[in-house]
Amino acid sequence: MCGRIPVIEITMTVPGAIEVIRQLSLSLDAEIAVGAGTVLDSDTAKQCLDAGAEFIVGPAFDPEMIAVVAQADKLIMPGALTPTEVVNAWKRGADFVKR
């Protein structure tokens, strides 16, 4: 893919988002990473991972969600507002932190 980033993020605000992730994960080329965005808790993160999500993006720092995603050996990018939240997210195993 010349000049493209092979990533699709389905936010949890999309109706039936988890099923959309499942269908995309089954039907798209393995070179395209399908992930979940606006994930608010560890239970939803687990459902997204079970549906085939390769990464999870959350709007806030949630240590339990980081642990669930890290245990599945997938990428996690929680949100953080303060420098303390950023550092805590890294210490808990976040791959990236969005501010």
PDB file of N, CA and C in Angstrom:
ATOM      1  N   MET A   1       0.838  -1.164   0.000  1.00  0.00           N
ATOM      2  CA  MET A   1       0.000   0.000   0.000  1.00  0.00           C
ATOM      3  C   MET A   1       0.890   1.237   0.000  1.00  0.00           C
ATOM      4  N   CYS A   2       0.886   1.920  -1.026  1.00  0.00           N
ATOM      5  CA  CYS A   2       1.722   3.098  -1.171  1.00  0.00           C
ATOM      6  C   CYS A   2       1.039   4.323  -0.565  1.00  0.00           C
ATOM      7  N   GLY A   3       1.651   4.898   0.466  1.00  0.00           N
ATOM      8  CA  GLY A   3       1.126   6.120   1.039  1.00  0.00           C
ATOM      9  C   GLY A   3      -0.107   5.972   1.909  1.00  0.00           C
ATOM     10  N   ARG A   4      -0.440   4.775   2.307  1.00  0.00           N
ATOM     11  CA  ARG A   4      -1.611   4.571   3.150  1.00  0.00           C
ATOM     12  C   ARG A   4      -1.206   3.889   4.451  1.00  0.00           C
ATOM     13  N   ILE A   5      -1.999   4.106   5.467  1.00  0.00           N
ATOM     14  CA  ILE A   5      -1.795   3.414   6.732  1.00  0.00           C
ATOM     15  C   ILE A   5      -2.888   2.356   6.825  1.00  0.00           C
ATOM     16  N   PRO A   6      -2.521   1.086   6.855  1.00  0.00           N
ATOM     17  CA  PRO A   6      -3.524   0.009   6.814  1.00  0.00           C
ATOM     18  C   PRO A   6      -4.177  -0.270   8.173  1.00  0.00           C
ATOM     19  N   VAL A   7      -4.949   0.705   8.656  1.00  0.00           N
ATOM     20  CA  VAL A   7      -5.591   0.592   9.959  1.00  0.00           C
ATOM     21  C   VAL A   7      -7.030   1.077   9.849  1.00  0.00           C
ATOM     22  N   ILE A   8      -7.932   0.359  10.495  1.00  0.00           N
ATOM     23  CA  ILE A   8      -9.331   0.777  10.593  1.00  0.00           C
ATOM     24  C   ILE A   8      -9.706   0.747  12.068  1.00  0.00           C
ATOM     25  N   GLU A   9     -10.214   1.877  12.562  1.00  0.00           N
ATOM     26  CA  GLU A   9     -10.674   1.947  13.949  1.00  0.00           C
ATOM     27  C   GLU A   9     -12.190   2.127  13.953  1.00  0.00           C
ATOM     28  N   ILE A  10     -12.871   1.199  14.579  1.00  0.00           N
ATOM     29  CA  ILE A  10     -14.319   1.273  14.735  1.00  0.00           C
ATOM     30  C   ILE A  10     -14.596   1.746  16.156  1.00  0.00           C
ATOM     31  N   THR A  11     -15.243   2.897  16.283  1.00  0.00           N
ATOM     32  CA  THR A  11     -15.532   3.400  17.618  1.00  0.00           C
ATOM     33  C   THR A  11     -16.786   2.742  18.183  1.00  0.00           C
ATOM     34  N   MET A  12     -16.843   2.697  19.478  1.00  0.00           N
ATOM     35  CA  MET A  12     -17.982   2.061  20.145  1.00  0.00           C
ATOM     36  C   MET A  12     -19.255   2.884  19.989  1.00  0.00           C
ATOM     37  N   THR A  13     -19.154   4.067  19.383  1.00  0.00           N
ATOM     38  CA  THR A  13     -20.354   4.859  19.103  1.00  0.00           C
ATOM     39  C   THR A  13     -21.067   4.382  17.840  1.00  0.00           C
ATOM     40  N   VAL A  14     -20.433   3.511  17.065  1.00  0.00           N
ATOM     41  CA  VAL A  14     -21.048   2.936  15.861  1.00  0.00           C
ATOM     42  C   VAL A  14     -22.049   1.864  16.298  1.00  0.00           C
ATOM     43  N   PRO A  15     -23.286   1.918  15.839  1.00  0.00           N
ATOM     44  CA  PRO A  15     -24.248   0.864  16.197  1.00  0.00           C
ATOM     45  C   PRO A  15     -23.718  -0.524  15.800  1.00  0.00           C
ATOM     46  N   GLY A  16     -23.753  -1.455  16.749  1.00  0.00           N
ATOM     47  CA  GLY A  16     -23.277  -2.809  16.485  1.00  0.00           C
ATOM     48  C   GLY A  16     -21.775  -2.880  16.274  1.00  0.00           C
ATOM     49  N   ALA A  17     -21.027  -1.995  16.909  1.00  0.00           N
ATOM     50  CA  ALA A  17     -19.588  -1.863  16.667  1.00  0.00           C
ATOM     51  C   ALA A  17     -18.812  -3.178  16.839  1.00  0.00           C
ATOM     52  N   ILE A  18     -19.124  -3.934  17.844  1.00  0.00           N
ATOM     53  CA  ILE A  18     -18.377  -5.172  18.086  1.00  0.00           C
ATOM     54  C   ILE A  18     -18.598  -6.165  16.947  1.00  0.00           C
ATOM     55  N   GLU A  19     -19.800  -6.240  16.454  1.00  0.00           N
ATOM     56  CA  GLU A  19     -20.066  -7.127  15.320  1.00  0.00           C
ATOM     57  C   GLU A  19     -19.396  -6.597  14.055  1.00  0.00           C
ATOM     58  N   VAL A  20     -19.344  -5.296  13.893  1.00  0.00           N
ATOM     59  CA  VAL A  20     -18.635  -4.712  12.749  1.00  0.00           C
ATOM     60  C   VAL A  20     -17.160  -5.101  12.809  1.00  0.00           C
ATOM     61  N   ILE A  21     -16.559  -5.017  13.990  1.00  0.00           N
ATOM     62  CA  ILE A  21     -15.159  -5.419  14.162  1.00  0.00           C
ATOM     63  C   ILE A  21     -14.990  -6.889  13.794  1.00  0.00           C
ATOM     64  N   ARG A  22     -15.907  -7.729  14.265  1.00  0.00           N
ATOM     65  CA  ARG A  22     -15.834  -9.162  13.967  1.00  0.00           C
ATOM     66  C   ARG A  22     -15.879  -9.411  12.455  1.00  0.00           C
ATOM     67  N   GLN A  23     -16.820  -8.781  11.780  1.00  0.00           N
ATOM     68  CA  GLN A  23     -16.963  -8.995  10.334  1.00  0.00           C
ATOM     69  C   GLN A  23     -15.750  -8.466   9.565  1.00  0.00           C
ATOM     70  N   LEU A  24     -15.272  -7.293   9.931  1.00  0.00           N
ATOM     71  CA  LEU A  24     -14.092  -6.745   9.252  1.00  0.00           C
ATOM     72  C   LEU A  24     -12.860  -7.615   9.490  1.00  0.00           C
ATOM     73  N   SER A  25     -12.701  -8.088  10.717  1.00  0.00           N
ATOM     74  CA  SER A  25     -11.546  -8.933  11.041  1.00  0.00           C
ATOM     75  C   SER A  25     -11.545 -10.222  10.236  1.00  0.00           C
ATOM     76  N   LEU A  26     -12.732 -10.751   9.968  1.00  0.00           N
ATOM     77  CA  LEU A  26     -12.842 -11.993   9.199  1.00  0.00           C
ATOM     78  C   LEU A  26     -12.699 -11.770   7.697  1.00  0.00           C
ATOM     79  N   SER A  27     -13.089 -10.596   7.226  1.00  0.00           N
ATOM     80  CA  SER A  27     -13.159 -10.405   5.777  1.00  0.00           C
ATOM     81  C   SER A  27     -12.004  -9.617   5.168  1.00  0.00           C
ATOM     82  N   LEU A  28     -11.277  -8.853   5.968  1.00  0.00           N
ATOM     83  CA  LEU A  28     -10.215  -8.020   5.405  1.00  0.00           C
ATOM     84  C   LEU A  28      -8.883  -8.758   5.351  1.00  0.00           C
ATOM     85  N   ASP A  29      -8.022  -8.284   4.495  1.00  0.00           N
ATOM     86  CA  ASP A  29      -6.662  -8.778   4.371  1.00  0.00           C
ATOM     87  C   ASP A  29      -5.971  -8.686   5.736  1.00  0.00           C
ATOM     88  N   ALA A  30      -5.145  -9.650   6.056  1.00  0.00           N
ATOM     89  CA  ALA A  30      -4.449  -9.676   7.341  1.00  0.00           C
ATOM     90  C   ALA A  30      -3.512  -8.489   7.519  1.00  0.00           C
ATOM     91  N   GLU A  31      -3.165  -7.798   6.433  1.00  0.00           N
ATOM     92  CA  GLU A  31      -2.281  -6.639   6.526  1.00  0.00           C
ATOM     93  C   GLU A  31      -3.012  -5.397   7.021  1.00  0.00           C
ATOM     94  N   ILE A  32      -4.322  -5.460   7.146  1.00  0.00           N
ATOM     95  CA  ILE A  32      -5.111  -4.334   7.634  1.00  0.00           C
ATOM     96  C   ILE A  32      -5.495  -4.604   9.084  1.00  0.00           C
ATOM     97  N   ALA A  33      -5.034  -3.743   9.978  1.00  0.00           N
ATOM     98  CA  ALA A  33      -5.325  -3.900  11.405  1.00  0.00           C
ATOM     99  C   ALA A  33      -6.671  -3.265  11.722  1.00  0.00           C
ATOM    100  N   VAL A  34      -7.546  -4.057  12.306  1.00  0.00           N
ATOM    101  CA  VAL A  34      -8.858  -3.566  12.725  1.00  0.00           C
ATOM    102  C   VAL A  34      -8.821  -3.406  14.240  1.00  0.00           C
ATOM    103  N   GLY A  35      -9.246  -2.240  14.713  1.00  0.00           N
ATOM    104  CA  GLY A  35      -9.232  -2.000  16.142  1.00  0.00           C
ATOM    105  C   GLY A  35     -10.483  -1.305  16.615  1.00  0.00           C
ATOM    106  N   ALA A  36     -10.525  -1.069  17.922  1.00  0.00           N
ATOM    107  CA  ALA A  36     -11.693  -0.480  18.564  1.00  0.00           C
ATOM    108  C   ALA A  36     -11.320   0.835  19.223  1.00  0.00           C
ATOM    109  N   GLY A  37     -12.194   1.828  19.057  1.00  0.00           N
ATOM    110  CA  GLY A  37     -11.975   3.129  19.674  1.00  0.00           C
ATOM    111  C   GLY A  37     -13.105   3.508  20.608  1.00  0.00           C
ATOM    112  N   THR A  38     -12.849   4.498  21.416  1.00  0.00           N
ATOM    113  CA  THR A  38     -13.799   4.984  22.413  1.00  0.00           C
ATOM    114  C   THR A  38     -14.259   3.842  23.323  1.00  0.00           C
ATOM    115  N   VAL A  39     -13.315   2.994  23.675  1.00  0.00           N
ATOM    116  CA  VAL A  39     -13.597   1.872  24.576  1.00  0.00           C
ATOM    117  C   VAL A  39     -13.510   2.405  26.005  1.00  0.00           C
ATOM    118  N   LEU A  40     -14.571   2.214  26.776  1.00  0.00           N
ATOM    119  CA  LEU A  40     -14.678   2.836  28.092  1.00  0.00           C
ATOM    120  C   LEU A  40     -14.325   1.933  29.265  1.00  0.00           C
ATOM    121  N   ASP A  41     -14.301   0.612  29.054  1.00  0.00           N
ATOM    122  CA  ASP A  41     -14.050  -0.276  30.187  1.00  0.00           C
ATOM    123  C   ASP A  41     -13.423  -1.586  29.729  1.00  0.00           C
ATOM    124  N   SER A  42     -12.945  -2.345  30.692  1.00  0.00           N
ATOM    125  CA  SER A  42     -12.243  -3.588  30.383  1.00  0.00           C
ATOM    126  C   SER A  42     -13.159  -4.661  29.805  1.00  0.00           C
ATOM    127  N   ASP A  43     -14.430  -4.686  30.216  1.00  0.00           N
ATOM    128  CA  ASP A  43     -15.361  -5.682  29.660  1.00  0.00           C
ATOM    129  C   ASP A  43     -15.575  -5.453  28.161  1.00  0.00           C
ATOM    130  N   THR A  44     -15.756  -4.198  27.779  1.00  0.00           N
ATOM    131  CA  THR A  44     -15.922  -3.884  26.361  1.00  0.00           C
ATOM    132  C   THR A  44     -14.632  -4.169  25.606  1.00  0.00           C
ATOM    133  N   ALA A  45     -13.501  -3.859  26.207  1.00  0.00           N
ATOM    134  CA  ALA A  45     -12.210  -4.154  25.567  1.00  0.00           C
ATOM    135  C   ALA A  45     -12.085  -5.650  25.300  1.00  0.00           C
ATOM    136  N   LYS A  46     -12.459  -6.467  26.271  1.00  0.00           N
ATOM    137  CA  LYS A  46     -12.388  -7.927  26.108  1.00  0.00           C
ATOM    138  C   LYS A  46     -13.300  -8.384  24.967  1.00  0.00           C
ATOM    139  N   GLN A  47     -14.505  -7.841  24.883  1.00  0.00           N
ATOM    140  CA  GLN A  47     -15.419  -8.210  23.807  1.00  0.00           C
ATOM    141  C   GLN A  47     -14.839  -7.829  22.440  1.00  0.00           C
ATOM    142  N   CYS A  48     -14.210  -6.673  22.382  1.00  0.00           N
ATOM    143  CA  CYS A  48     -13.590  -6.230  21.121  1.00  0.00           C
ATOM    144  C   CYS A  48     -12.432  -7.145  20.738  1.00  0.00           C
ATOM    145  N   LEU A  49     -11.620  -7.503  21.704  1.00  0.00           N
ATOM    146  CA  LEU A  49     -10.501  -8.415  21.434  1.00  0.00           C
ATOM    147  C   LEU A  49     -11.013  -9.776  20.978  1.00  0.00           C
ATOM    148  N   ASP A  50     -12.051 -10.270  21.627  1.00  0.00           N
ATOM    149  CA  ASP A  50     -12.644 -11.549  21.236  1.00  0.00           C
ATOM    150  C   ASP A  50     -13.217 -11.495  19.815  1.00  0.00           C
ATOM    151  N   ALA A  51     -13.640 -10.288  19.402  1.00  0.00           N
ATOM    152  CA  ALA A  51     -14.187 -10.113  18.052  1.00  0.00           C
ATOM    153  C   ALA A  51     -13.090  -9.967  17.000  1.00  0.00           C
ATOM    154  N   GLY A  52     -11.838  -9.843  17.446  1.00  0.00           N
ATOM    155  CA  GLY A  52     -10.730  -9.760  16.502  1.00  0.00           C
ATOM    156  C   GLY A  52      -9.978  -8.448  16.467  1.00  0.00           C
ATOM    157  N   ALA A  53     -10.289  -7.530  17.376  1.00  0.00           N
ATOM    158  CA  ALA A  53      -9.586  -6.245  17.400  1.00  0.00           C
ATOM    159  C   ALA A  53      -8.102  -6.463  17.687  1.00  0.00           C
ATOM    160  N   GLU A  54      -7.268  -5.749  16.949  1.00  0.00           N
ATOM    161  CA  GLU A  54      -5.822  -5.814  17.130  1.00  0.00           C
ATOM    162  C   GLU A  54      -5.314  -4.716  18.050  1.00  0.00           C
ATOM    163  N   PHE A  55      -6.140  -3.706  18.287  1.00  0.00           N
ATOM    164  CA  PHE A  55      -5.754  -2.622  19.180  1.00  0.00           C
ATOM    165  C   PHE A  55      -7.002  -2.020  19.808  1.00  0.00           C
ATOM    166  N   ILE A  56      -6.784  -1.374  20.950  1.00  0.00           N
ATOM    167  CA  ILE A  56      -7.858  -0.730  21.691  1.00  0.00           C
ATOM    168  C   ILE A  56      -7.428   0.707  21.992  1.00  0.00           C
ATOM    169  N   VAL A  57      -8.340   1.651  21.747  1.00  0.00           N
ATOM    170  CA  VAL A  57      -8.112   3.052  22.073  1.00  0.00           C
ATOM    171  C   VAL A  57      -9.197   3.481  23.044  1.00  0.00           C
ATOM    172  N   GLY A  58      -8.791   4.102  24.137  1.00  0.00           N
ATOM    173  CA  GLY A  58      -9.754   4.590  25.114  1.00  0.00           C
ATOM    174  C   GLY A  58      -9.582   6.068  25.359  1.00  0.00           C
ATOM    175  N   PRO A  59     -10.628   6.723  25.809  1.00  0.00           N
ATOM    176  CA  PRO A  59     -10.546   8.163  26.039  1.00  0.00           C
ATOM    177  C   PRO A  59      -9.910   8.542  27.376  1.00  0.00           C
ATOM    178  N   ALA A  60      -9.734   7.568  28.272  1.00  0.00           N
ATOM    179  CA  ALA A  60      -9.239   7.875  29.612  1.00  0.00           C
ATOM    180  C   ALA A  60      -8.299   6.769  30.105  1.00  0.00           C
ATOM    181  N   PHE A  61      -7.590   7.074  31.159  1.00  0.00           N
ATOM    182  CA  PHE A  61      -6.682   6.122  31.796  1.00  0.00           C
ATOM    183  C   PHE A  61      -7.483   5.140  32.648  1.00  0.00           C
ATOM    184  N   ASP A  62      -7.442   3.862  32.275  1.00  0.00           N
ATOM    185  CA  ASP A  62      -8.133   2.806  33.005  1.00  0.00           C
ATOM    186  C   ASP A  62      -7.154   1.650  33.179  1.00  0.00           C
ATOM    187  N   PRO A  63      -6.550   1.509  34.371  1.00  0.00           N
ATOM    188  CA  PRO A  63      -5.534   0.476  34.585  1.00  0.00           C
ATOM    189  C   PRO A  63      -6.028  -0.939  34.288  1.00  0.00           C
ATOM    190  N   GLU A  64      -7.276  -1.219  34.616  1.00  0.00           N
ATOM    191  CA  GLU A  64      -7.832  -2.558  34.384  1.00  0.00           C
ATOM    192  C   GLU A  64      -7.926  -2.853  32.884  1.00  0.00           C
ATOM    193  N   MET A  65      -8.311  -1.855  32.096  1.00  0.00           N
ATOM    194  CA  MET A  65      -8.391  -2.050  30.650  1.00  0.00           C
ATOM    195  C   MET A  65      -6.999  -2.268  30.060  1.00  0.00           C
ATOM    196  N   ILE A  66      -6.026  -1.514  30.539  1.00  0.00           N
ATOM    197  CA  ILE A  66      -4.650  -1.710  30.067  1.00  0.00           C
ATOM    198  C   ILE A  66      -4.206  -3.137  30.353  1.00  0.00           C
ATOM    199  N   ALA A  67      -4.487  -3.643  31.534  1.00  0.00           N
ATOM    200  CA  ALA A  67      -4.086  -5.001  31.908  1.00  0.00           C
ATOM    201  C   ALA A  67      -4.743  -6.049  31.019  1.00  0.00           C
ATOM    202  N   VAL A  68      -6.027  -5.894  30.740  1.00  0.00           N
ATOM    203  CA  VAL A  68      -6.754  -6.858  29.898  1.00  0.00           C
ATOM    204  C   VAL A  68      -6.151  -6.910  28.496  1.00  0.00           C
ATOM    205  N   VAL A  69      -5.883  -5.740  27.933  1.00  0.00           N
ATOM    206  CA  VAL A  69      -5.359  -5.690  26.573  1.00  0.00           C
ATOM    207  C   VAL A  69      -3.917  -6.182  26.529  1.00  0.00           C
ATOM    208  N   ALA A  70      -3.125  -5.791  27.508  1.00  0.00           N
ATOM    209  CA  ALA A  70      -1.736  -6.253  27.560  1.00  0.00           C
ATOM    210  C   ALA A  70      -1.671  -7.771  27.714  1.00  0.00           C
ATOM    211  N   GLN A  71      -2.551  -8.330  28.507  1.00  0.00           N
ATOM    212  CA  GLN A  71      -2.586  -9.782  28.692  1.00  0.00           C
ATOM    213  C   GLN A  71      -2.897 -10.496  27.380  1.00  0.00           C
ATOM    214  N   ALA A  72      -3.683  -9.865  26.523  1.00  0.00           N
ATOM    215  CA  ALA A  72      -4.014 -10.438  25.211  1.00  0.00           C
ATOM    216  C   ALA A  72      -2.908 -10.178  24.187  1.00  0.00           C
ATOM    217  N   ASP A  73      -1.863  -9.467  24.595  1.00  0.00           N
ATOM    218  CA  ASP A  73      -0.724  -9.136  23.740  1.00  0.00           C
ATOM    219  C   ASP A  73      -1.149  -8.310  22.522  1.00  0.00           C
ATOM    220  N   LYS A  74      -2.055  -7.360  22.754  1.00  0.00           N
ATOM    221  CA  LYS A  74      -2.515  -6.437  21.716  1.00  0.00           C
ATOM    222  C   LYS A  74      -2.109  -5.022  22.121  1.00  0.00           C
ATOM    223  N   LEU A  75      -2.239  -4.097  21.200  1.00  0.00           N
ATOM    224  CA  LEU A  75      -1.868  -2.710  21.470  1.00  0.00           C
ATOM    225  C   LEU A  75      -2.967  -1.978  22.221  1.00  0.00           C
ATOM    226  N   ILE A  76      -2.543  -1.117  23.159  1.00  0.00           N
ATOM    227  CA  ILE A  76      -3.485  -0.323  23.934  1.00  0.00           C
ATOM    228  C   ILE A  76      -3.022   1.133  23.940  1.00  0.00           C
ATOM    229  N   MET A  77      -3.986   2.040  23.673  1.00  0.00           N
ATOM    230  CA  MET A  77      -3.700   3.466  23.713  1.00  0.00           C
ATOM    231  C   MET A  77      -4.784   4.161  24.536  1.00  0.00           C
ATOM    232  N   PRO A  78      -4.549   4.294  25.844  1.00  0.00           N
ATOM    233  CA  PRO A  78      -5.516   5.018  26.659  1.00  0.00           C
ATOM    234  C   PRO A  78      -5.298   6.525  26.515  1.00  0.00           C
ATOM    235  N   GLY A  79      -6.308   7.265  26.891  1.00  0.00           N
ATOM    236  CA  GLY A  79      -6.173   8.707  26.953  1.00  0.00           C
ATOM    237  C   GLY A  79      -5.672   9.117  28.321  1.00  0.00           C
ATOM    238  N   ALA A  80      -5.087  10.295  28.390  1.00  0.00           N
ATOM    239  CA  ALA A  80      -4.625  10.840  29.659  1.00  0.00           C
ATOM    240  C   ALA A  80      -4.684  12.356  29.581  1.00  0.00           C
ATOM    241  N   LEU A  81      -4.953  12.985  30.693  1.00  0.00           N
ATOM    242  CA  LEU A  81      -5.053  14.436  30.724  1.00  0.00           C
ATOM    243  C   LEU A  81      -3.829  15.060  31.385  1.00  0.00           C
ATOM    244  N   THR A  82      -3.427  14.510  32.500  1.00  0.00           N
ATOM    245  CA  THR A  82      -2.325  15.108  33.250  1.00  0.00           C
ATOM    246  C   THR A  82      -1.026  14.341  32.998  1.00  0.00           C
ATOM    247  N   PRO A  83       0.106  14.983  33.255  1.00  0.00           N
ATOM    248  CA  PRO A  83       1.384  14.254  33.145  1.00  0.00           C
ATOM    249  C   PRO A  83       1.418  13.015  34.037  1.00  0.00           C
ATOM    250  N   THR A  84       0.813  13.101  35.200  1.00  0.00           N
ATOM    251  CA  THR A  84       0.783  11.947  36.109  1.00  0.00           C
ATOM    252  C   THR A  84       0.023  10.780  35.478  1.00  0.00           C
ATOM    253  N   GLU A  85      -1.106  11.057  34.834  1.00  0.00           N
ATOM    254  CA  GLU A  85      -1.856   9.991  34.159  1.00  0.00           C
ATOM    255  C   GLU A  85      -1.042   9.393  33.013  1.00  0.00           C
ATOM    256  N   VAL A  86      -0.331  10.231  32.283  1.00  0.00           N
ATOM    257  CA  VAL A  86       0.500   9.734  31.181  1.00  0.00           C
ATOM    258  C   VAL A  86       1.551   8.768  31.712  1.00  0.00           C
ATOM    259  N   VAL A  87       2.267   9.176  32.737  1.00  0.00           N
ATOM    260  CA  VAL A  87       3.315   8.325  33.307  1.00  0.00           C
ATOM    261  C   VAL A  87       2.722   7.047  33.889  1.00  0.00           C
ATOM    262  N   ASN A  88       1.600   7.168  34.586  1.00  0.00           N
ATOM    263  CA  ASN A  88       0.958   5.968  35.139  1.00  0.00           C
ATOM    264  C   ASN A  88       0.515   5.008  34.041  1.00  0.00           C
ATOM    265  N   ALA A  89       0.007   5.541  32.944  1.00  0.00           N
ATOM    266  CA  ALA A  89      -0.393   4.680  31.828  1.00  0.00           C
ATOM    267  C   ALA A  89       0.810   3.938  31.274  1.00  0.00           C
ATOM    268  N   TRP A  90       1.923   4.615  31.083  1.00  0.00           N
ATOM    269  CA  TRP A  90       3.136   3.941  30.605  1.00  0.00           C
ATOM    270  C   TRP A  90       3.602   2.880  31.588  1.00  0.00           C
ATOM    271  N   LYS A  91       3.586   3.225  32.870  1.00  0.00           N
ATOM    272  CA  LYS A  91       4.025   2.269  33.895  1.00  0.00           C
ATOM    273  C   LYS A  91       3.139   1.032  33.921  1.00  0.00           C
ATOM    274  N   ARG A  92       1.861   1.191  33.591  1.00  0.00           N
ATOM    275  CA  ARG A  92       0.924   0.060  33.579  1.00  0.00           C
ATOM    276  C   ARG A  92       1.004  -0.763  32.297  1.00  0.00           C
ATOM    277  N   GLY A  93       1.767  -0.278  31.298  1.00  0.00           N
ATOM    278  CA  GLY A  93       1.941  -1.075  30.086  1.00  0.00           C
ATOM    279  C   GLY A  93       1.312  -0.534  28.821  1.00  0.00           C
ATOM    280  N   ALA A  94       0.848   0.729  28.844  1.00  0.00           N
ATOM    281  CA  ALA A  94       0.281   1.306  27.617  1.00  0.00           C
ATOM    282  C   ALA A  94       1.350   1.380  26.534  1.00  0.00           C
ATOM    283  N   ASP A  95       0.956   1.052  25.305  1.00  0.00           N
ATOM    284  CA  ASP A  95       1.891   1.146  24.177  1.00  0.00           C
ATOM    285  C   ASP A  95       2.032   2.589  23.707  1.00  0.00           C
ATOM    286  N   PHE A  96       0.939   3.318  23.731  1.00  0.00           N
ATOM    287  CA  PHE A  96       0.881   4.735  23.360  1.00  0.00           C
ATOM    288  C   PHE A  96      -0.075   5.399  24.345  1.00  0.00           C
ATOM    289  N   VAL A  97       0.043   6.705  24.494  1.00  0.00           N
ATOM    290  CA  VAL A  97      -0.895   7.446  25.316  1.00  0.00           C
ATOM    291  C   VAL A  97      -1.327   8.670  24.516  1.00  0.00           C
ATOM    292  N   LYS A  98      -2.640   8.870  24.426  1.00  0.00           N
ATOM    293  CA  LYS A  98      -3.131  10.057  23.710  1.00  0.00           C
ATOM    294  C   LYS A  98      -3.509  11.130  24.717  1.00  0.00           C
ATOM    295  N   ARG A  99      -3.210  12.374  24.345  1.00  0.00           N
ATOM    296  CA  ARG A  99      -3.508  13.483  25.232  1.00  0.00           C
ATOM    297  C   ARG A  99      -4.517  14.393  24.611  1.00  0.00           C
TER     298      ARG A  99
END
